[in-house]
PDB file of N, CA and C in Angstrom:
ATOM      1  N   MET A   1      -7.195   7.916  26.373  1.00  0.00           N
ATOM      2  CA  MET A   1      -7.499   6.575  25.857  1.00  0.00           C
ATOM      3  C   MET A   1      -6.709   6.383  24.548  1.00  0.00           C
ATOM      4  N   GLN A   2      -6.113   5.215  24.402  1.00  0.00           N
ATOM      5  CA  GLN A   2      -5.425   4.869  23.180  1.00  0.00           C
ATOM      6  C   GLN A   2      -6.155   3.762  22.429  1.00  0.00           C
ATOM      7  N   VAL A   3      -5.883   3.675  21.148  1.00  0.00           N
ATOM      8  CA  VAL A   3      -6.594   2.679  20.308  1.00  0.00           C
ATOM      9  C   VAL A   3      -5.579   1.802  19.614  1.00  0.00           C
ATOM     10  N   ILE A   4      -6.067   0.647  19.134  1.00  0.00           N
ATOM     11  CA  ILE A   4      -5.306  -0.266  18.306  1.00  0.00           C
ATOM     12  C   ILE A   4      -5.859  -0.148  16.854  1.00  0.00           C
ATOM     13  N   LEU A   5      -4.959   0.136  15.926  1.00  0.00           N
ATOM     14  CA  LEU A   5      -5.378   0.274  14.544  1.00  0.00           C
ATOM     15  C   LEU A   5      -5.033  -1.020  13.786  1.00  0.00           C
ATOM     16  N   VAL A   6      -5.943  -1.466  12.916  1.00  0.00           N
ATOM     17  CA  VAL A   6      -5.726  -2.634  12.124  1.00  0.00           C
ATOM     18  C   VAL A   6      -6.033  -2.259  10.665  1.00  0.00           C
ATOM     19  N   GLY A   7      -5.082  -2.578   9.790  1.00  0.00           N
ATOM     20  CA  GLY A   7      -5.265  -2.263   8.360  1.00  0.00           C
ATOM     21  C   GLY A   7      -4.909  -3.431   7.472  1.00  0.00           C
ATOM     22  N   HIS A   8      -5.675  -3.616   6.410  1.00  0.00           N
ATOM     23  CA  HIS A   8      -5.441  -4.639   5.434  1.00  0.00           C
ATOM     24  C   HIS A   8      -5.308  -4.002   4.050  1.00  0.00           C
ATOM     25  N   ASP A   9      -4.407  -4.476   3.224  1.00  0.00           N
ATOM     26  CA  ASP A   9      -4.226  -3.982   1.875  1.00  0.00           C
ATOM     27  C   ASP A   9      -3.931  -2.464   1.888  1.00  0.00           C
ATOM     28  N   PHE A  10      -4.707  -1.674   1.158  1.00  0.00           N
ATOM     29  CA  PHE A  10      -4.449  -0.260   1.159  1.00  0.00           C
ATOM     30  C   PHE A  10      -4.925   0.411   2.459  1.00  0.00           C
ATOM     31  N   GLY A  11      -5.622  -0.318   3.324  1.00  0.00           N
ATOM     32  CA  GLY A  11      -5.970   0.196   4.655  1.00  0.00           C
ATOM     33  C   GLY A  11      -4.723   0.461   5.478  1.00  0.00           C
ATOM     34  N   GLY A  12      -3.646  -0.211   5.123  1.00  0.00           N
ATOM     35  CA  GLY A  12      -2.361   0.045   5.785  1.00  0.00           C
ATOM     36  C   GLY A  12      -1.907   1.473   5.555  1.00  0.00           C
ATOM     37  N   ALA A  13      -2.158   1.982   4.359  1.00  0.00           N
ATOM     38  CA  ALA A  13      -1.791   3.359   4.097  1.00  0.00           C
ATOM     39  C   ALA A  13      -2.624   4.341   4.975  1.00  0.00           C
ATOM     40  N   CYS A  14      -3.874   3.992   5.161  1.00  0.00           N
ATOM     41  CA  CYS A  14      -4.684   4.844   6.043  1.00  0.00           C
ATOM     42  C   CYS A  14      -4.200   4.868   7.474  1.00  0.00           C
ATOM     43  N   ILE A  15      -3.895   3.691   8.021  1.00  0.00           N
ATOM     44  CA  ILE A  15      -3.465   3.698   9.417  1.00  0.00           C
ATOM     45  C   ILE A  15      -2.076   4.320   9.557  1.00  0.00           C
ATOM     46  N   SER A  16      -1.222   4.191   8.518  1.00  0.00           N
ATOM     47  CA  SER A  16       0.075   4.865   8.555  1.00  0.00           C
ATOM     48  C   SER A  16      -0.123   6.366   8.697  1.00  0.00           C
ATOM     49  N   TYR A  17      -1.044   6.945   7.942  1.00  0.00           N
ATOM     50  CA  TYR A  17      -1.344   8.352   7.964  1.00  0.00           C
ATOM     51  C   TYR A  17      -1.885   8.768   9.343  1.00  0.00           C
ATOM     52  N   VAL A  18      -2.792   7.990   9.882  1.00  0.00           N
ATOM     53  CA  VAL A  18      -3.377   8.283  11.207  1.00  0.00           C
ATOM     54  C   VAL A  18      -2.297   8.215  12.276  1.00  0.00           C
ATOM     55  N   MET A  19      -1.390   7.276  12.146  1.00  0.00           N
ATOM     56  CA  MET A  19      -0.299   7.171  13.120  1.00  0.00           C
ATOM     57  C   MET A  19       0.565   8.436  13.124  1.00  0.00           C
ATOM     58  N   GLU A  20       0.758   9.067  11.956  1.00  0.00           N
ATOM     59  CA  GLU A  20       1.542  10.299  11.881  1.00  0.00           C
ATOM     60  C   GLU A  20       0.771  11.447  12.487  1.00  0.00           C
ATOM     61  N   LEU A  21      -0.546  11.476  12.303  1.00  0.00           N
ATOM     62  CA  LEU A  21      -1.383  12.607  12.805  1.00  0.00           C
ATOM     63  C   LEU A  21      -1.559  12.542  14.341  1.00  0.00           C
ATOM     64  N   PHE A  22      -1.782  11.328  14.860  1.00  0.00           N
ATOM     65  CA  PHE A  22      -2.124  11.187  16.247  1.00  0.00           C
ATOM     66  C   PHE A  22      -1.280  10.147  16.965  1.00  0.00           C
ATOM     67  N   PRO A  23       0.018  10.295  16.992  1.00  0.00           N
ATOM     68  CA  PRO A  23       0.898   9.256  17.577  1.00  0.00           C
ATOM     69  C   PRO A  23       0.603   8.947  19.021  1.00  0.00           C
ATOM     70  N   SER A  24       0.185   9.905  19.801  1.00  0.00           N
ATOM     71  CA  SER A  24      -0.030   9.669  21.228  1.00  0.00           C
ATOM     72  C   SER A  24      -1.356   8.926  21.505  1.00  0.00           C
ATOM     73  N   LYS A  25      -2.198   8.794  20.503  1.00  0.00           N
ATOM     74  CA  LYS A  25      -3.493   8.150  20.696  1.00  0.00           C
ATOM     75  C   LYS A  25      -3.478   6.695  20.253  1.00  0.00           C
ATOM     76  N   ILE A  26      -2.375   6.201  19.718  1.00  0.00           N
ATOM     77  CA  ILE A  26      -2.297   4.836  19.178  1.00  0.00           C
ATOM     78  C   ILE A  26      -1.371   3.972  20.057  1.00  0.00           C
ATOM     79  N   SER A  27      -1.942   2.855  20.548  1.00  0.00           N
ATOM     80  CA  SER A  27      -1.112   1.987  21.381  1.00  0.00           C
ATOM     81  C   SER A  27      -0.419   0.955  20.463  1.00  0.00           C
ATOM     82  N   LYS A  28      -1.077   0.469  19.413  1.00  0.00           N
ATOM     83  CA  LYS A  28      -0.491  -0.513  18.482  1.00  0.00           C
ATOM     84  C   LYS A  28      -1.090  -0.317  17.099  1.00  0.00           C
ATOM     85  N   ALA A  29      -0.298  -0.722  16.119  1.00  0.00           N
ATOM     86  CA  ALA A  29      -0.807  -0.733  14.726  1.00  0.00           C
ATOM     87  C   ALA A  29      -0.484  -2.099  14.141  1.00  0.00           C
ATOM     88  N   ILE A  30      -1.494  -2.709  13.561  1.00  0.00           N
ATOM     89  CA  ILE A  30      -1.320  -4.056  13.023  1.00  0.00           C
ATOM     90  C   ILE A  30      -1.605  -3.988  11.516  1.00  0.00           C
ATOM     91  N   PHE A  31      -0.603  -4.392  10.739  1.00  0.00           N
ATOM     92  CA  PHE A  31      -0.679  -4.385   9.295  1.00  0.00           C
ATOM     93  C   PHE A  31      -0.834  -5.856   8.830  1.00  0.00           C
ATOM     94  N   ILE A  32      -1.985  -6.169   8.217  1.00  0.00           N
ATOM     95  CA  ILE A  32      -2.251  -7.539   7.751  1.00  0.00           C
ATOM     96  C   ILE A  32      -2.177  -7.501   6.221  1.00  0.00           C
ATOM     97  N   ALA A  33      -1.114  -8.082   5.678  1.00  0.00           N
ATOM     98  CA  ALA A  33      -0.917  -8.033   4.212  1.00  0.00           C
ATOM     99  C   ALA A  33      -1.211  -6.645   3.697  1.00  0.00           C
ATOM    100  N   ALA A  34      -0.643  -5.672   4.332  1.00  0.00           N
ATOM    101  CA  ALA A  34      -1.000  -4.261   4.094  1.00  0.00           C
ATOM    102  C   ALA A  34       0.169  -3.429   3.578  1.00  0.00           C
ATOM    103  N   ALA A  35      -0.190  -2.387   2.931  1.00  0.00           N
ATOM    104  CA  ALA A  35       0.777  -1.389   2.492  1.00  0.00           C
ATOM    105  C   ALA A  35       1.131  -0.526   3.640  1.00  0.00           C
ATOM    106  N   MET A  36       2.435  -0.248   3.768  1.00  0.00           N
ATOM    107  CA  MET A  36       2.898   0.656   4.824  1.00  0.00           C
ATOM    108  C   MET A  36       3.650   1.832   4.174  1.00  0.00           C
ATOM    109  N   LEU A  37       3.156   2.998   4.353  1.00  0.00           N
ATOM    110  CA  LEU A  37       3.744   4.207   3.724  1.00  0.00           C
ATOM    111  C   LEU A  37       5.046   4.560   4.388  1.00  0.00           C
ATOM    112  N   SER A  38       5.997   5.020   3.598  1.00  0.00           N
ATOM    113  CA  SER A  38       7.236   5.598   4.124  1.00  0.00           C
ATOM    114  C   SER A  38       6.923   7.042   4.581  1.00  0.00           C
ATOM    115  N   SER A  39       7.770   7.571   5.376  1.00  0.00           N
ATOM    116  CA  SER A  39       7.570   8.939   5.834  1.00  0.00           C
ATOM    117  C   SER A  39       7.520   9.880   4.618  1.00  0.00           C
ATOM    118  N   GLY A  40       6.467  10.678   4.544  1.00  0.00           N
ATOM    119  CA  GLY A  40       6.300  11.650   3.478  1.00  0.00           C
ATOM    120  C   GLY A  40       5.652  11.072   2.203  1.00  0.00           C
ATOM    121  N   GLN A  41       5.414   9.763   2.180  1.00  0.00           N
ATOM    122  CA  GLN A  41       4.809   9.121   0.996  1.00  0.00           C
ATOM    123  C   GLN A  41       3.283   9.193   1.143  1.00  0.00           C
ATOM    124  N   SER A  42       2.609   9.408   0.020  1.00  0.00           N
ATOM    125  CA  SER A  42       1.150   9.474   0.069  1.00  0.00           C
ATOM    126  C   SER A  42       0.549   8.198  -0.518  1.00  0.00           C
ATOM    127  N   SER A  43      -0.735   7.983  -0.256  1.00  0.00           N
ATOM    128  CA  SER A  43      -1.414   6.820  -0.809  1.00  0.00           C
ATOM    129  C   SER A  43      -1.381   6.842  -2.330  1.00  0.00           C
ATOM    130  N   LEU A  44      -1.460   8.025  -2.900  1.00  0.00           N
ATOM    131  CA  LEU A  44      -1.432   8.188  -4.330  1.00  0.00           C
ATOM    132  C   LEU A  44      -0.071   7.719  -4.882  1.00  0.00           C
ATOM    133  N   ASP A  45       1.004   8.020  -4.188  1.00  0.00           N
ATOM    134  CA  ASP A  45       2.366   7.564  -4.593  1.00  0.00           C
ATOM    135  C   ASP A  45       2.375   6.047  -4.680  1.00  0.00           C
ATOM    136  N   MET A  46       1.821   5.377  -3.667  1.00  0.00           N
ATOM    137  CA  MET A  46       1.848   3.957  -3.615  1.00  0.00           C
ATOM    138  C   MET A  46       0.954   3.343  -4.693  1.00  0.00           C
ATOM    139  N   PHE A  47      -0.210   3.981  -4.905  1.00  0.00           N
ATOM    140  CA  PHE A  47      -1.135   3.487  -5.925  1.00  0.00           C
ATOM    141  C   PHE A  47      -0.497   3.599  -7.326  1.00  0.00           C
ATOM    142  N   SER A  48       0.172   4.702  -7.546  1.00  0.00           N
ATOM    143  CA  SER A  48       0.866   4.932  -8.849  1.00  0.00           C
ATOM    144  C   SER A  48       1.901   3.857  -9.092  1.00  0.00           C
ATOM    145  N   GLN A  49       2.673   3.490  -8.071  1.00  0.00           N
ATOM    146  CA  GLN A  49       3.666   2.435  -8.194  1.00  0.00           C
ATOM    147  C   GLN A  49       3.035   1.107  -8.550  1.00  0.00           C
ATOM    148  N   GLN A  50       1.877   0.826  -7.933  1.00  0.00           N
ATOM    149  CA  GLN A  50       1.226  -0.435  -8.177  1.00  0.00           C
ATOM    150  C   GLN A  50       0.683  -0.467  -9.607  1.00  0.00           C
ATOM    151  N   VAL A  51       0.147   0.615 -10.113  1.00  0.00           N
ATOM    152  CA  VAL A  51      -0.375   0.667 -11.478  1.00  0.00           C
ATOM    153  C   VAL A  51       0.767   0.429 -12.441  1.00  0.00           C
ATOM    154  N   VAL A  52       1.887   1.029 -12.263  1.00  0.00           N
ATOM    155  CA  VAL A  52       3.042   0.850 -13.154  1.00  0.00           C
ATOM    156  C   VAL A  52       3.495  -0.613 -13.103  1.00  0.00           C
ATOM    157  N   LEU A  53       3.596  -1.165 -11.903  1.00  0.00           N
ATOM    158  CA  LEU A  53       4.010  -2.555 -11.785  1.00  0.00           C
ATOM    159  C   LEU A  53       3.075  -3.488 -12.521  1.00  0.00           C
ATOM    160  N   HIS A  54       1.742  -3.325 -12.288  1.00  0.00           N
ATOM    161  CA  HIS A  54       0.755  -4.192 -12.943  1.00  0.00           C
ATOM    162  C   HIS A  54       0.799  -4.050 -14.451  1.00  0.00           C
ATOM    163  N   SER A  55       1.047  -2.791 -14.958  1.00  0.00           N
ATOM    164  CA  SER A  55       1.116  -2.562 -16.391  1.00  0.00           C
ATOM    165  C   SER A  55       2.297  -3.301 -16.994  1.00  0.00           C
ATOM    166  N   ILE A  56       3.462  -3.252 -16.294  1.00  0.00           N
ATOM    167  CA  ILE A  56       4.660  -3.930 -16.759  1.00  0.00           C
ATOM    168  C   ILE A  56       4.413  -5.441 -16.819  1.00  0.00           C
ATOM    169  N   ILE A  57       3.837  -5.978 -15.797  1.00  0.00           N
ATOM    170  CA  ILE A  57       3.509  -7.397 -15.763  1.00  0.00           C
ATOM    171  C   ILE A  57       2.553  -7.785 -16.901  1.00  0.00           C
ATOM    172  N   PHE A  58       1.529  -6.974 -17.077  1.00  0.00           N
ATOM    173  CA  PHE A  58       0.510  -7.288 -18.113  1.00  0.00           C
ATOM    174  C   PHE A  58       1.163  -7.276 -19.509  1.00  0.00           C
ATOM    175  N   TRP A  59       1.931  -6.228 -19.819  1.00  0.00           N
ATOM    176  CA  TRP A  59       2.520  -6.138 -21.146  1.00  0.00           C
ATOM    177  C   TRP A  59       3.594  -7.182 -21.353  1.00  0.00           C
ATOM    178  N   THR A  60       4.305  -7.540 -20.343  1.00  0.00           N
ATOM    179  CA  THR A  60       5.317  -8.597 -20.430  1.00  0.00           C
ATOM    180  C   THR A  60       4.656  -9.915 -20.756  1.00  0.00           C
ATOM    181  N   GLN A  61       3.542 -10.241 -20.063  1.00  0.00           N
ATOM    182  CA  GLN A  61       2.830 -11.504 -20.299  1.00  0.00           C
ATOM    183  C   GLN A  61       2.177 -11.495 -21.664  1.00  0.00           C
ATOM    184  N   LYS A  62       1.622 -10.382 -22.072  1.00  0.00           N
ATOM    185  CA  LYS A  62       0.982 -10.292 -23.385  1.00  0.00           C
ATOM    186  C   LYS A  62       1.996 -10.461 -24.490  1.00  0.00           C
ATOM    187  N   SER A  63       3.158  -9.836 -24.330  1.00  0.00           N
ATOM    188  CA  SER A  63       4.249  -9.942 -25.347  1.00  0.00           C
ATOM    189  C   SER A  63       4.706 -11.374 -25.440  1.00  0.00           C
ATOM    190  N   GLY A  64       4.832 -12.080 -24.335  1.00  0.00           N
ATOM    191  CA  GLY A  64       5.246 -13.471 -24.376  1.00  0.00           C
ATOM    192  C   GLY A  64       4.220 -14.377 -25.073  1.00  0.00           C
ATOM    193  N   LYS A  65       2.945 -14.113 -24.907  1.00  0.00           N
ATOM    194  CA  LYS A  65       1.921 -14.917 -25.541  1.00  0.00           C
ATOM    195  C   LYS A  65       1.899 -14.684 -27.024  1.00  0.00           C
ATOM    196  N   GLU A  66       2.113 -13.472 -27.463  1.00  0.00           N
ATOM    197  CA  GLU A  66       2.103 -13.147 -28.904  1.00  0.00           C
ATOM    198  C   GLU A  66       3.266 -13.793 -29.603  1.00  0.00           C
ATOM    199  N   LYS A  67       4.395 -13.956 -28.941  1.00  0.00           N
ATOM    200  CA  LYS A  67       5.585 -14.576 -29.555  1.00  0.00           C
ATOM    201  C   LYS A  67       5.313 -16.079 -29.754  1.00  0.00           C
ATOM    202  N   ARG A  68       4.544 -16.681 -28.857  1.00  0.00           N
ATOM    203  CA  ARG A  68       4.240 -18.117 -28.954  1.00  0.00           C
ATOM    204  C   ARG A  68       3.215 -18.422 -29.996  1.00  0.00           C
ATOM    205  N   GLU A  69       2.399 -17.463 -30.352  1.00  0.00           N
ATOM    206  CA  GLU A  69       1.298 -17.732 -31.289  1.00  0.00           C
ATOM    207  C   GLU A  69       1.711 -17.567 -32.737  1.00  0.00           C
TER     208      GLU A  69
END
């Protein structure tokens, strides 16, 4: 029996991992606005990238507001 996996947001990372573990058990994988891991990439890698990106955006916006005040 095969299954269809559906993942949203970081759930995409989970189904990516499951696809690597059990490729013969999955008929389809559906990613809805989801993260998709590259081969060898972990969820922690992706989360770390998101934290850095959000920090850069936050500090850039904060810096711009301080200059206007």
